Amino acid sequence: MYPLLSNTIAVLSAEHAAQFRLAGMFVVLVGGVLAGCIANNRLGVSERWAKIIMTAVLIFLEWLIALLIIWQIPLSRDLVWLPIIGIVMMLGITTGSATIFSLFKLDHKSRLTLILAGGLSNLGYTGGAFVCFALFGTQGLGLANIYSVLWMPTACLVFFPLLKIRELRLSGSAEKFKPIELLDPRMLPLPATIIALILNLKGIKQPDFIADFHIVDIFVYTASSLSFFAIGLRVNFSRIKNYINLYFPLAAVKFLLTPLVALALVWLLTLTGHDLTSLVKKVVIVLSACPSAVFMVTMSNVFDLDGPLASALWVATTVIFVAIVVPILFFVLA
């Protein structure tokens, strides 16, 4: 399968390769979630496997993906404001989500899951990047990749240590995060991110075989397939209705508050003399209206938050995004 995938991508043009990847990711998304649903609801596979699978993905694949992607991404000064906006949005909306959802009567695990769902968005091939490609072609896809260039480093450098600190406090083993905690294999994306940034800034090139054999594609497809399957294991349609009261406030954060904050940031940059091009502004708007990230579900499962809620929130925001938000974006921006 993988040699066939690599050979197929190798003979495609840049634009066709992007289309192939996008189509492939949607097949993986739908197929993975449906397979997980069937395995749990029809074949009796326990949803406890969701945590095992996502932990394995984090330990064996996520750190490699983070290392290889961050190592090769272009850190250009020309579009420096684009990734800065992405990080400000991520951290700002997460902080706002913490404030908003602190008003809800929820247990600690569910509240943290909801905060992560509010702050972390699906900017990749199964979310915002796909819409940017559909609307603006390969140039839009490239700008979407630049926007999210610091997303993984920030997620690893900020959220992983915070979740580890919470885990340590709950276990009563320590009050402070210590360097020794980096030896936890679940924390591998953190040192991998630091190493990748060093390699990138030093100008050290990746070995040719990584591109020749499309190693990153293979890792991404494999990790995505397993992650979507694990999400499907915890998608119980009879249980999804139990969280209906949380879908609406989360949707308001994802699809109303976040785009408004993005518009405000673009306006402030314009006022300070940093006028962005029309296409860059449109890409920022699209990426500010994305559903919750798959990585949010991974962290919720791996760090013992509310895994079933995380899966339900991902499904709900993704359905709203596809059914309502994307048509509006096409009507306004196409």
Foldseek 3Di string as FASTA:
>chain_A
DLQVVLVVLVPDDPQVSLVVLLVLLVCLQVVQLVLLQCCVVPVPDALLVLLVLLLCLLLPFPLVLLLVLLLPDDPDPVPVVLQVLLVCLLVVQLVVLLVVLVPPPDDPLLSNLLSLQLRAFALDSLKLLVLLCVQPNPVSNSSSCVNCSCVLQCCLVPVVLVLVQVLCVVVVPDNDDDPVCCPPSSSSNNVSNVVSNVSNVVVPDDDPVCSSSVVSSVSVSVSSSSLSSSLSNLDDPVCLVVCVVSQVVSLCSQAPVQLVVLVVVQVVCVVVPNHDDPSSSLSSNSSSNGGGHSVSLSCSSNSVRDNSSSSSRRVSSSCCCVPPVSVVSNVPRD
